[in-house]
Amino acid sequence: PDAMAGPTPVSALIHAATMVTAGVFVLIRISPLLEFATFGLGIITFFGIFTAFFASSIGLFQNDLKKIIAYSTCSQLGYMVFSCGLSNYSLSLFHLT
C-alpha cells in the first residue's frame, strides 16, 4: 500500500481490480484439489484470518485515503481467503462479486 503515492490512471485501476481478485478466483477453481489437502486448508485459513485482522488493524491508523482503501482491500481479500480455507467457496465467490 505504500507504493500508491501518485495519481492513478483509470486503466491502472481497472487492471488492479481484476488482478487483486485473481488469487481468490484461482483458490475457488482448484477447490476440488484443496478438499484432499486438509493441512493446506488449515494454512490457507490461518493466512486468511491473519491477513484480514492485520490489514484492518493497520488501516485503522492510516491518514491517507488511498492507503486506507488499499488496506481495506487487503482485509477483504483476507476474509475471502479465510472462507476458502473453511471450504465455504460459495461465500467467497459471493463476496468476490
C-alpha atoms as a PDB file:
ATOM      1  CA  PRO A   1       0.000   0.000   0.000  1.00  0.00           C
ATOM      2  CA  ASP A   2       2.918   2.428   0.419  1.00  0.00           C
ATOM      3  CA  ALA A   3       3.632   2.312  -3.334  1.00  0.00           C
ATOM      4  CA  MET A   4       0.462   4.275  -4.153  1.00  0.00           C
ATOM      5  CA  ALA A   5       1.755   7.799  -3.767  1.00  0.00           C
ATOM      6  CA  GLY A   6       0.933   9.447  -7.095  1.00  0.00           C
ATOM      7  CA  PRO A   7      -2.295   9.865  -9.032  1.00  0.00           C
ATOM      8  CA  THR A   8      -3.582   6.659 -10.552  1.00  0.00           C
ATOM      9  CA  PRO A   9      -4.764   6.459 -14.165  1.00  0.00           C
ATOM     10  CA  VAL A  10      -8.115   4.844 -14.841  1.00  0.00           C
ATOM     11  CA  SER A  11      -6.622   1.958 -16.837  1.00  0.00           C
ATOM     12  CA  ALA A  12      -4.414   1.025 -13.887  1.00  0.00           C
ATOM     13  CA  LEU A  13      -7.424   0.986 -11.567  1.00  0.00           C
ATOM     14  CA  ILE A  14      -9.366  -1.342 -13.864  1.00  0.00           C
ATOM     15  CA  HIS A  15      -6.341  -3.616 -14.252  1.00  0.00           C
ATOM     16  CA  ALA A  16      -5.730  -3.666 -10.496  1.00  0.00           C
ATOM     17  CA  ALA A  17      -9.337  -4.573  -9.749  1.00  0.00           C
ATOM     18  CA  THR A  18      -9.057  -7.755 -11.804  1.00  0.00           C
ATOM     19  CA  MET A  19      -5.544  -8.716 -10.693  1.00  0.00           C
ATOM     20  CA  VAL A  20      -6.257  -8.347  -6.975  1.00  0.00           C
ATOM     21  CA  THR A  21      -9.087 -10.860  -7.022  1.00  0.00           C
ATOM     22  CA  ALA A  22      -7.370 -13.356  -9.340  1.00  0.00           C
ATOM     23  CA  GLY A  23      -5.800 -15.268  -6.439  1.00  0.00           C
ATOM     24  CA  VAL A  24      -9.129 -15.858  -4.743  1.00  0.00           C
ATOM     25  CA  PHE A  25     -10.645 -16.959  -8.047  1.00  0.00           C
ATOM     26  CA  VAL A  26      -7.814 -19.479  -8.501  1.00  0.00           C
ATOM     27  CA  LEU A  27      -8.456 -20.833  -4.994  1.00  0.00           C
ATOM     28  CA  ILE A  28     -12.113 -21.307  -5.885  1.00  0.00           C
ATOM     29  CA  ARG A  29     -11.231 -23.018  -9.169  1.00  0.00           C
ATOM     30  CA  ILE A  30      -8.868 -25.525  -7.512  1.00  0.00           C
ATOM     31  CA  SER A  31     -11.292 -26.222  -4.679  1.00  0.00           C
ATOM     32  CA  PRO A  32     -11.727 -29.928  -5.596  1.00  0.00           C
ATOM     33  CA  LEU A  33      -7.985 -30.418  -5.130  1.00  0.00           C
ATOM     34  CA  LEU A  34      -7.943 -28.492  -1.864  1.00  0.00           C
ATOM     35  CA  GLU A  35     -10.516 -30.804  -0.309  1.00  0.00           C
ATOM     36  CA  PHE A  36      -7.917 -33.586  -0.233  1.00  0.00           C
ATOM     37  CA  ALA A  37      -5.289 -31.405   1.452  1.00  0.00           C
ATOM     38  CA  THR A  38      -6.627 -30.703   4.933  1.00  0.00           C
ATOM     39  CA  PHE A  39      -3.277 -29.379   6.151  1.00  0.00           C
ATOM     40  CA  GLY A  40      -3.219 -26.968   3.217  1.00  0.00           C
ATOM     41  CA  LEU A  41      -6.718 -25.781   4.079  1.00  0.00           C
ATOM     42  CA  GLY A  42      -5.527 -25.085   7.614  1.00  0.00           C
ATOM     43  CA  ILE A  43      -2.661 -22.981   6.316  1.00  0.00           C
ATOM     44  CA  ILE A  44      -4.988 -21.099   3.957  1.00  0.00           C
ATOM     45  CA  THR A  45      -7.393 -20.461   6.842  1.00  0.00           C
ATOM     46  CA  PHE A  46      -4.618 -19.156   9.085  1.00  0.00           C
ATOM     47  CA  PHE A  47      -3.174 -16.803   6.498  1.00  0.00           C
ATOM     48  CA  GLY A  48      -6.620 -15.580   5.515  1.00  0.00           C
ATOM     49  CA  ILE A  49      -7.657 -14.612   9.035  1.00  0.00           C
ATOM     50  CA  PHE A  50      -4.193 -13.197   9.786  1.00  0.00           C
ATOM     51  CA  THR A  51      -4.356 -11.021   6.673  1.00  0.00           C
ATOM     52  CA  ALA A  52      -7.876  -9.861   7.474  1.00  0.00           C
ATOM     53  CA  PHE A  53      -7.066  -8.769  11.025  1.00  0.00           C
ATOM     54  CA  PHE A  54      -3.583  -7.413  10.309  1.00  0.00           C
ATOM     55  CA  ALA A  55      -4.609  -5.312   7.305  1.00  0.00           C
ATOM     56  CA  SER A  56      -7.699  -3.934   9.021  1.00  0.00           C
ATOM     57  CA  SER A  57      -5.769  -3.007  12.164  1.00  0.00           C
ATOM     58  CA  ILE A  58      -3.040  -1.281  10.151  1.00  0.00           C
ATOM     59  CA  GLY A  59      -5.667   0.515   8.069  1.00  0.00           C
ATOM     60  CA  LEU A  60      -7.267   1.960  11.192  1.00  0.00           C
ATOM     61  CA  PHE A  61      -4.216   4.115  11.875  1.00  0.00           C
ATOM     62  CA  GLN A  62      -3.673   5.493   8.365  1.00  0.00           C
ATOM     63  CA  ASN A  63      -4.386   9.078   7.380  1.00  0.00           C
ATOM     64  CA  ASP A  64      -4.089   8.876   3.599  1.00  0.00           C
ATOM     65  CA  LEU A  65      -7.324   7.835   1.880  1.00  0.00           C
ATOM     66  CA  LYS A  66      -5.546   5.726  -0.756  1.00  0.00           C
ATOM     67  CA  LYS A  67      -3.747   3.751   1.945  1.00  0.00           C
ATOM     68  CA  ILE A  68      -6.992   3.230   3.848  1.00  0.00           C
ATOM     69  CA  ILE A  69      -8.667   1.858   0.728  1.00  0.00           C
ATOM     70  CA  ALA A  70      -5.647  -0.350  -0.040  1.00  0.00           C
ATOM     71  CA  TYR A  71      -5.584  -1.851   3.459  1.00  0.00           C
ATOM     72  CA  SER A  72      -9.347  -2.313   3.366  1.00  0.00           C
ATOM     73  CA  THR A  73      -8.996  -4.210   0.096  1.00  0.00           C
ATOM     74  CA  CYS A  74      -6.299  -6.430   1.620  1.00  0.00           C
ATOM     75  CA  SER A  75      -8.544  -7.069   4.605  1.00  0.00           C
ATOM     76  CA  GLN A  76     -11.472  -8.066   2.412  1.00  0.00           C
ATOM     77  CA  LEU A  77      -9.218 -10.393   0.426  1.00  0.00           C
ATOM     78  CA  GLY A  78      -8.196 -11.955   3.727  1.00  0.00           C
ATOM     79  CA  TYR A  79     -11.838 -12.654   4.503  1.00  0.00           C
ATOM     80  CA  MET A  80     -12.273 -14.294   1.099  1.00  0.00           C
ATOM     81  CA  VAL A  81      -9.181 -16.465   1.570  1.00  0.00           C
ATOM     82  CA  PHE A  82     -10.390 -17.357   5.067  1.00  0.00           C
ATOM     83  CA  SER A  83     -13.716 -18.585   3.709  1.00  0.00           C
ATOM     84  CA  CYS A  84     -11.865 -20.634   1.080  1.00  0.00           C
ATOM     85  CA  GLY A  85      -9.845 -22.200   3.883  1.00  0.00           C
ATOM     86  CA  LEU A  86     -13.087 -23.161   5.609  1.00  0.00           C
ATOM     87  CA  SER A  87     -14.257 -24.807   2.345  1.00  0.00           C
ATOM     88  CA  ASN A  88     -17.052 -22.270   2.021  1.00  0.00           C
ATOM     89  CA  TYR A  89     -16.366 -21.390  -1.598  1.00  0.00           C
ATOM     90  CA  SER A  90     -19.841 -20.051  -2.307  1.00  0.00           C
ATOM     91  CA  LEU A  91     -19.388 -17.374   0.366  1.00  0.00           C
ATOM     92  CA  SER A  92     -16.029 -16.427  -1.074  1.00  0.00           C
ATOM     93  CA  LEU A  93     -17.463 -16.206  -4.586  1.00  0.00           C
ATOM     94  CA  PHE A  94     -20.401 -14.143  -3.299  1.00  0.00           C
ATOM     95  CA  HIS A  95     -18.000 -11.733  -1.598  1.00  0.00           C
ATOM     96  CA  LEU A  96     -15.905 -11.615  -4.762  1.00  0.00           C
ATOM     97  CA  THR A  97     -18.832 -10.466  -6.880  1.00  0.00           C
END
